[in-house]
Amino acid sequence: MLSLGMTHYTAADLAMADRHLAEGEQHIARQEMLVTSLRLKGHPTDEAESLLGLFNQAQIEHRLHRQAI
C-alpha cells in the first residue's frame, strides 16, 4: 500500500490512474482529429475546440493525481 500523508493508495488506485491517463490520451487524439476534419471541411470548430480544451484540462488533473499516488 502506498501512502501520501493520511491518504493510503493501493496498486489498484495506481492502475486506475494509469488507465485514466491512457483513456484521456485517446480522447484527446480523437478530438484533435475531429477538429482537423471539421476545419478541412470548412465547418465551425468552436465547440469541438472547447471540448478539446476540457479534455486537455482533465488530462492535467489526471497527471497530477497520478503524481500524488
PDB file of N, CA and C in Angstrom:
ATOM      1  N   MET A   1       0.845  -1.174   0.000  1.00  0.00           N
ATOM      2  CA  MET A   1       0.000   0.000   0.000  1.00  0.00           C
ATOM      3  C   MET A   1       0.893   1.241   0.000  1.00  0.00           C
ATOM      4  N   LEU A   2       0.606   2.183  -0.860  1.00  0.00           N
ATOM      5  CA  LEU A   2       1.338   3.440  -0.929  1.00  0.00           C
ATOM      6  C   LEU A   2       0.659   4.456  -0.040  1.00  0.00           C
ATOM      7  N   SER A   3       1.418   5.406   0.501  1.00  0.00           N
ATOM      8  CA  SER A   3       0.829   6.384   1.402  1.00  0.00           C
ATOM      9  C   SER A   3       1.295   7.781   1.028  1.00  0.00           C
ATOM     10  N   LEU A   4       0.389   8.728   1.104  1.00  0.00           N
ATOM     11  CA  LEU A   4       0.704  10.138   0.888  1.00  0.00           C
ATOM     12  C   LEU A   4       0.001  10.890   2.001  1.00  0.00           C
ATOM     13  N   GLY A   5       0.747  11.306   3.013  1.00  0.00           N
ATOM     14  CA  GLY A   5       0.108  11.960   4.147  1.00  0.00           C
ATOM     15  C   GLY A   5      -0.818  10.969   4.836  1.00  0.00           C
ATOM     16  N   MET A   6      -2.061  11.341   5.002  1.00  0.00           N
ATOM     17  CA  MET A   6      -3.039  10.479   5.642  1.00  0.00           C
ATOM     18  C   MET A   6      -3.789   9.619   4.633  1.00  0.00           C
ATOM     19  N   THR A   7      -3.555   9.838   3.353  1.00  0.00           N
ATOM     20  CA  THR A   7      -4.248   9.090   2.315  1.00  0.00           C
ATOM     21  C   THR A   7      -3.431   7.866   1.940  1.00  0.00           C
ATOM     22  N   HIS A   8      -4.081   6.724   1.890  1.00  0.00           N
ATOM     23  CA  HIS A   8      -3.412   5.486   1.505  1.00  0.00           C
ATOM     24  C   HIS A   8      -3.886   5.077   0.118  1.00  0.00           C
ATOM     25  N   TYR A   9      -2.944   4.760  -0.738  1.00  0.00           N
ATOM     26  CA  TYR A   9      -3.247   4.342  -2.094  1.00  0.00           C
ATOM     27  C   TYR A   9      -2.845   2.893  -2.288  1.00  0.00           C
ATOM     28  N   THR A  10      -3.566   2.221  -3.125  1.00  0.00           N
ATOM     29  CA  THR A  10      -3.276   0.819  -3.424  1.00  0.00           C
ATOM     30  C   THR A  10      -2.762   0.704  -4.859  1.00  0.00           C
ATOM     31  N   ALA A  11      -2.324  -0.480  -5.197  1.00  0.00           N
ATOM     32  CA  ALA A  11      -1.912  -0.746  -6.572  1.00  0.00           C
ATOM     33  C   ALA A  11      -3.091  -0.548  -7.515  1.00  0.00           C
ATOM     34  N   ALA A  12      -4.295  -0.850  -7.043  1.00  0.00           N
ATOM     35  CA  ALA A  12      -5.493  -0.649  -7.866  1.00  0.00           C
ATOM     36  C   ALA A  12      -5.705   0.835  -8.155  1.00  0.00           C
ATOM     37  N   ASP A  13      -5.414   1.700  -7.181  1.00  0.00           N
ATOM     38  CA  ASP A  13      -5.530   3.147  -7.404  1.00  0.00           C
ATOM     39  C   ASP A  13      -4.545   3.601  -8.473  1.00  0.00           C
ATOM     40  N   LEU A  14      -3.346   3.076  -8.401  1.00  0.00           N
ATOM     41  CA  LEU A  14      -2.324   3.421  -9.388  1.00  0.00           C
ATOM     42  C   LEU A  14      -2.742   2.930 -10.776  1.00  0.00           C
ATOM     43  N   ALA A  15      -3.262   1.715 -10.845  1.00  0.00           N
ATOM     44  CA  ALA A  15      -3.716   1.169 -12.125  1.00  0.00           C
ATOM     45  C   ALA A  15      -4.857   1.996 -12.702  1.00  0.00           C
ATOM     46  N   MET A  16      -5.770   2.447 -11.844  1.00  0.00           N
ATOM     47  CA  MET A  16      -6.880   3.266 -12.312  1.00  0.00           C
ATOM     48  C   MET A  16      -6.369   4.611 -12.835  1.00  0.00           C
ATOM     49  N   ALA A  17      -5.419   5.205 -12.132  1.00  0.00           N
ATOM     50  CA  ALA A  17      -4.855   6.478 -12.586  1.00  0.00           C
ATOM     51  C   ALA A  17      -4.171   6.300 -13.941  1.00  0.00           C
ATOM     52  N   ASP A  18      -3.437   5.218 -14.096  1.00  0.00           N
ATOM     53  CA  ASP A  18      -2.780   4.944 -15.380  1.00  0.00           C
ATOM     54  C   ASP A  18      -3.811   4.740 -16.492  1.00  0.00           C
ATOM     55  N   ARG A  19      -4.894   4.042 -16.168  1.00  0.00           N
ATOM     56  CA  ARG A  19      -5.958   3.821 -17.158  1.00  0.00           C
ATOM     57  C   ARG A  19      -6.605   5.149 -17.555  1.00  0.00           C
ATOM     58  N   HIS A  20      -6.849   6.015 -16.582  1.00  0.00           N
ATOM     59  CA  HIS A  20      -7.437   7.322 -16.881  1.00  0.00           C
ATOM     60  C   HIS A  20      -6.522   8.143 -17.788  1.00  0.00           C
ATOM     61  N   LEU A  21      -5.222   8.070 -17.531  1.00  0.00           N
ATOM     62  CA  LEU A  21      -4.268   8.785 -18.396  1.00  0.00           C
ATOM     63  C   LEU A  21      -4.309   8.245 -19.820  1.00  0.00           C
ATOM     64  N   ALA A  22      -4.315   6.930 -19.959  1.00  0.00           N
ATOM     65  CA  ALA A  22      -4.339   6.321 -21.298  1.00  0.00           C
ATOM     66  C   ALA A  22      -5.629   6.663 -22.029  1.00  0.00           C
ATOM     67  N   GLU A  23      -6.755   6.576 -21.335  1.00  0.00           N
ATOM     68  CA  GLU A  23      -8.039   6.906 -21.961  1.00  0.00           C
ATOM     69  C   GLU A  23      -8.092   8.384 -22.330  1.00  0.00           C
ATOM     70  N   GLY A  24      -7.534   9.221 -21.474  1.00  0.00           N
ATOM     71  CA  GLY A  24      -7.503  10.653 -21.758  1.00  0.00           C
ATOM     72  C   GLY A  24      -6.718  10.956 -23.024  1.00  0.00           C
ATOM     73  N   GLU A  25      -5.582  10.277 -23.200  1.00  0.00           N
ATOM     74  CA  GLU A  25      -4.785  10.465 -24.410  1.00  0.00           C
ATOM     75  C   GLU A  25      -5.575  10.057 -25.650  1.00  0.00           C
ATOM     76  N   GLN A  26      -6.336   8.975 -25.538  1.00  0.00           N
ATOM     77  CA  GLN A  26      -7.160   8.532 -26.663  1.00  0.00           C
ATOM     78  C   GLN A  26      -8.247   9.556 -26.976  1.00  0.00           C
ATOM     79  N   HIS A  27      -8.901  10.095 -25.952  1.00  0.00           N
ATOM     80  CA  HIS A  27      -9.945  11.104 -26.170  1.00  0.00           C
ATOM     81  C   HIS A  27      -9.369  12.343 -26.847  1.00  0.00           C
ATOM     82  N   ILE A  28      -8.205  12.758 -26.369  1.00  0.00           N
ATOM     83  CA  ILE A  28      -7.569  13.950 -26.938  1.00  0.00           C
ATOM     84  C   ILE A  28      -7.202  13.711 -28.400  1.00  0.00           C
ATOM     85  N   ALA A  29      -6.625  12.569 -28.703  1.00  0.00           N
ATOM     86  CA  ALA A  29      -6.227  12.273 -30.086  1.00  0.00           C
ATOM     87  C   ALA A  29      -7.447  12.256 -31.009  1.00  0.00           C
ATOM     88  N   ARG A  30      -8.532  11.618 -30.565  1.00  0.00           N
ATOM     89  CA  ARG A  30      -9.741  11.575 -31.400  1.00  0.00           C
ATOM     90  C   ARG A  30     -10.325  12.970 -31.592  1.00  0.00           C
ATOM     91  N   GLN A  31     -10.313  13.763 -30.533  1.00  0.00           N
ATOM     92  CA  GLN A  31     -10.878  15.107 -30.642  1.00  0.00           C
ATOM     93  C   GLN A  31     -10.020  15.986 -31.537  1.00  0.00           C
ATOM     94  N   GLU A  32      -8.703  15.834 -31.471  1.00  0.00           N
ATOM     95  CA  GLU A  32      -7.818  16.594 -32.366  1.00  0.00           C
ATOM     96  C   GLU A  32      -8.093  16.233 -33.821  1.00  0.00           C
ATOM     97  N   MET A  33      -8.312  14.942 -34.081  1.00  0.00           N
ATOM     98  CA  MET A  33      -8.630  14.518 -35.450  1.00  0.00           C
ATOM     99  C   MET A  33      -9.971  15.109 -35.891  1.00  0.00           C
ATOM    100  N   LEU A  34     -10.932  15.155 -34.991  1.00  0.00           N
ATOM    101  CA  LEU A  34     -12.236  15.728 -35.317  1.00  0.00           C
ATOM    102  C   LEU A  34     -12.108  17.214 -35.638  1.00  0.00           C
ATOM    103  N   VAL A  35     -11.368  17.946 -34.830  1.00  0.00           N
ATOM    104  CA  VAL A  35     -11.173  19.380 -35.077  1.00  0.00           C
ATOM    105  C   VAL A  35     -10.530  19.583 -36.441  1.00  0.00           C
ATOM    106  N   THR A  36      -9.504  18.803 -36.747  1.00  0.00           N
ATOM    107  CA  THR A  36      -8.823  18.912 -38.043  1.00  0.00           C
ATOM    108  C   THR A  36      -9.778  18.603 -39.187  1.00  0.00           C
ATOM    109  N   SER A  37     -10.557  17.543 -39.041  1.00  0.00           N
ATOM    110  CA  SER A  37     -11.510  17.160 -40.074  1.00  0.00           C
ATOM    111  C   SER A  37     -12.553  18.253 -40.297  1.00  0.00           C
ATOM    112  N   LEU A  38     -13.082  18.784 -39.222  1.00  0.00           N
ATOM    113  CA  LEU A  38     -14.072  19.862 -39.352  1.00  0.00           C
ATOM    114  C   LEU A  38     -13.468  21.072 -40.046  1.00  0.00           C
ATOM    115  N   ARG A  39     -12.257  21.432 -39.639  1.00  0.00           N
ATOM    116  CA  ARG A  39     -11.589  22.600 -40.224  1.00  0.00           C
ATOM    117  C   ARG A  39     -11.354  22.403 -41.722  1.00  0.00           C
ATOM    118  N   LEU A  40     -10.882  21.201 -42.101  1.00  0.00           N
ATOM    119  CA  LEU A  40     -10.614  20.930 -43.521  1.00  0.00           C
ATOM    120  C   LEU A  40     -11.883  20.970 -44.365  1.00  0.00           C
ATOM    121  N   LYS A  41     -13.016  20.643 -43.755  1.00  0.00           N
ATOM    122  CA  LYS A  41     -14.296  20.652 -44.470  1.00  0.00           C
ATOM    123  C   LYS A  41     -14.999  22.002 -44.385  1.00  0.00           C
ATOM    124  N   GLY A  42     -14.357  22.957 -43.725  1.00  0.00           N
ATOM    125  CA  GLY A  42     -14.916  24.300 -43.651  1.00  0.00           C
ATOM    126  C   GLY A  42     -16.030  24.465 -42.621  1.00  0.00           C
ATOM    127  N   HIS A  43     -16.135  23.530 -41.693  1.00  0.00           N
ATOM    128  CA  HIS A  43     -17.167  23.606 -40.662  1.00  0.00           C
ATOM    129  C   HIS A  43     -16.660  24.387 -39.451  1.00  0.00           C
ATOM    130  N   PRO A  44     -17.566  24.927 -38.660  1.00  0.00           N
ATOM    131  CA  PRO A  44     -17.141  25.609 -37.430  1.00  0.00           C
ATOM    132  C   PRO A  44     -16.482  24.614 -36.471  1.00  0.00           C
ATOM    133  N   THR A  45     -15.503  25.083 -35.739  1.00  0.00           N
ATOM    134  CA  THR A  45     -14.777  24.198 -34.815  1.00  0.00           C
ATOM    135  C   THR A  45     -14.836  24.683 -33.368  1.00  0.00           C
ATOM    136  N   ASP A  46     -15.554  25.753 -33.116  1.00  0.00           N
ATOM    137  CA  ASP A  46     -15.554  26.345 -31.766  1.00  0.00           C
ATOM    138  C   ASP A  46     -15.920  25.333 -30.679  1.00  0.00           C
ATOM    139  N   GLU A  47     -17.011  24.623 -30.856  1.00  0.00           N
ATOM    140  CA  GLU A  47     -17.446  23.676 -29.826  1.00  0.00           C
ATOM    141  C   GLU A  47     -16.482  22.502 -29.706  1.00  0.00           C
ATOM    142  N   ALA A  48     -15.997  22.013 -30.827  1.00  0.00           N
ATOM    143  CA  ALA A  48     -15.050  20.898 -30.803  1.00  0.00           C
ATOM    144  C   ALA A  48     -13.739  21.312 -30.132  1.00  0.00           C
ATOM    145  N   GLU A  49     -13.306  22.537 -30.392  1.00  0.00           N
ATOM    146  CA  GLU A  49     -12.088  23.032 -29.760  1.00  0.00           C
ATOM    147  C   GLU A  49     -12.299  23.278 -28.272  1.00  0.00           C
ATOM    148  N   SER A  50     -13.477  23.728 -27.904  1.00  0.00           N
ATOM    149  CA  SER A  50     -13.790  23.924 -26.490  1.00  0.00           C
ATOM    150  C   SER A  50     -13.743  22.589 -25.750  1.00  0.00           C
ATOM    151  N   LEU A  51     -14.324  21.558 -26.345  1.00  0.00           N
ATOM    152  CA  LEU A  51     -14.299  20.236 -25.739  1.00  0.00           C
ATOM    153  C   LEU A  51     -12.864  19.716 -25.649  1.00  0.00           C
ATOM    154  N   LEU A  52     -12.068  19.964 -26.670  1.00  0.00           N
ATOM    155  CA  LEU A  52     -10.661  19.571 -26.641  1.00  0.00           C
ATOM    156  C   LEU A  52      -9.950  20.244 -25.469  1.00  0.00           C
ATOM    157  N   GLY A  53     -10.250  21.503 -25.234  1.00  0.00           N
ATOM    158  CA  GLY A  53      -9.670  22.208 -24.087  1.00  0.00           C
ATOM    159  C   GLY A  53     -10.053  21.549 -22.765  1.00  0.00           C
ATOM    160  N   LEU A  54     -11.303  21.129 -22.651  1.00  0.00           N
ATOM    161  CA  LEU A  54     -11.746  20.430 -21.439  1.00  0.00           C
ATOM    162  C   LEU A  54     -11.023  19.096 -21.273  1.00  0.00           C
ATOM    163  N   PHE A  55     -10.850  18.368 -22.383  1.00  0.00           N
ATOM    164  CA  PHE A  55     -10.118  17.099 -22.327  1.00  0.00           C
ATOM    165  C   PHE A  55      -8.680  17.333 -21.871  1.00  0.00           C
ATOM    166  N   ASN A  56      -8.050  18.376 -22.399  1.00  0.00           N
ATOM    167  CA  ASN A  56      -6.672  18.683 -22.010  1.00  0.00           C
ATOM    168  C   ASN A  56      -6.579  19.062 -20.541  1.00  0.00           C
ATOM    169  N   GLN A  57      -7.547  19.829 -20.059  1.00  0.00           N
ATOM    170  CA  GLN A  57      -7.555  20.211 -18.643  1.00  0.00           C
ATOM    171  C   GLN A  57      -7.748  18.983 -17.760  1.00  0.00           C
ATOM    172  N   ALA A  58      -8.654  18.104 -18.157  1.00  0.00           N
ATOM    173  CA  ALA A  58      -8.867  16.871 -17.395  1.00  0.00           C
ATOM    174  C   ALA A  58      -7.590  16.036 -17.371  1.00  0.00           C
ATOM    175  N   GLN A  59      -6.863  16.026 -18.478  1.00  0.00           N
ATOM    176  CA  GLN A  59      -5.630  15.241 -18.542  1.00  0.00           C
ATOM    177  C   GLN A  59      -4.596  15.797 -17.578  1.00  0.00           C
ATOM    178  N   ILE A  60      -4.540  17.106 -17.443  1.00  0.00           N
ATOM    179  CA  ILE A  60      -3.637  17.719 -16.463  1.00  0.00           C
ATOM    180  C   ILE A  60      -4.002  17.237 -15.064  1.00  0.00           C
ATOM    181  N   GLU A  61      -5.295  17.215 -14.771  1.00  0.00           N
ATOM    182  CA  GLU A  61      -5.758  16.734 -13.467  1.00  0.00           C
ATOM    183  C   GLU A  61      -5.412  15.259 -13.271  1.00  0.00           C
ATOM    184  N   HIS A  62      -5.562  14.460 -14.307  1.00  0.00           N
ATOM    185  CA  HIS A  62      -5.197  13.045 -14.215  1.00  0.00           C
ATOM    186  C   HIS A  62      -3.706  12.883 -13.916  1.00  0.00           C
ATOM    187  N   ARG A  63      -2.875  13.696 -14.578  1.00  0.00           N
ATOM    188  CA  ARG A  63      -1.425  13.614 -14.346  1.00  0.00           C
ATOM    189  C   ARG A  63      -1.075  14.000 -12.899  1.00  0.00           C
ATOM    190  N   LEU A  64      -1.718  15.055 -12.413  1.00  0.00           N
ATOM    191  CA  LEU A  64      -1.461  15.486 -11.027  1.00  0.00           C
ATOM    192  C   LEU A  64      -1.887  14.405 -10.037  1.00  0.00           C
ATOM    193  N   HIS A  65      -3.022  13.791 -10.300  1.00  0.00           N
ATOM    194  CA  HIS A  65      -3.485  12.712  -9.427  1.00  0.00           C
ATOM    195  C   HIS A  65      -2.508  11.540  -9.463  1.00  0.00           C
ATOM    196  N   ARG A  66      -2.037  11.190 -10.645  1.00  0.00           N
ATOM    197  CA  ARG A  66      -1.082  10.088 -10.789  1.00  0.00           C
ATOM    198  C   ARG A  66       0.204  10.391 -10.024  1.00  0.00           C
ATOM    199  N   GLN A  67       0.657  11.643 -10.106  1.00  0.00           N
ATOM    200  CA  GLN A  67       1.881  12.038  -9.381  1.00  0.00           C
ATOM    201  C   GLN A  67       1.670  11.958  -7.877  1.00  0.00           C
ATOM    202  N   ALA A  68       0.467  12.294  -7.421  1.00  0.00           N
ATOM    203  CA  ALA A  68       0.179  12.253  -5.992  1.00  0.00           C
ATOM    204  C   ALA A  68       0.208  10.829  -5.459  1.00  0.00           C
ATOM    205  N   ILE A  69      -0.167   9.898  -6.319  1.00  0.00           N
ATOM    206  CA  ILE A  69      -0.168   8.491  -5.901  1.00  0.00           C
ATOM    207  C   ILE A  69       1.264   8.003  -5.812  1.00  0.00           C
TER     208      ILE A  69
END
